[in-house]
Amino acid sequence: MGFIFCRQVPQAPSIVRWRTPSPSWFKLNTDGSSLGNLGLAEAAGIIRDSAGHVHLAFQFALGAGTSVLAELTVAWQEMELALTHGLAPLVVEVDARTVISLLKSRASGKWEVQHLIMRIVCLQQLLMADVQHVLREANGAADHLAKEVASLQLTRVLYHDDITGVLRGIVCLDRQGVPHLRRG
């Protein structure tokens, strides 16, 4: 009996970049995660205008939860902030395909998830929001904010003048259209 050796053909890397929303639109990028199932969860998001300028960002520690719950919570919280600050119409970019599927089907077996889905659907109508999937590599600013909150365990809203350091650099590179490589 012989062995069959299958060699996986490597895929060429693709170029990915953050794209500005259409003129007069705003874009919300979100990221949520948890350390394991029902681990410490955190979430963050950032809203920018069609010139790529930051209007606000949000970081918060959620306590125990799942990554899906964190992703949905940050989308809901940031959409609430967008509504409060008049940041509409809005493109919402989420890097979790599961969340996109849940929002399209508008159904989940868990009440806490279903509750968030219905809130987001309502906010979508109020904000004329379009929820889309984004590749992780084009979601660097939200990813950075989420990693930062994981180490600090804080909750805060940041405005344009509060954006400093590494985050300011990421936002500047995004605004200039600097690409990222996505491997296979």
Foldseek 3Di string as FASTA:
>chain_A
DDDDDDDDDWDDWDKFAAAADDALAKEKEKFKAADPAQHWIKIKIWIAHNLLATFKMKIATDHTHHRLLRQLVHLLVVLVVCVVVVRADYEYEYQDVVNVVCLVVLDDPDPSNNVSSVSNVVSCVVRVYHYDYGHPQHRVLRVVRRVVCVVVRHIDMDGRVRQDDPSVVSSVCNSVGPIDIDTD
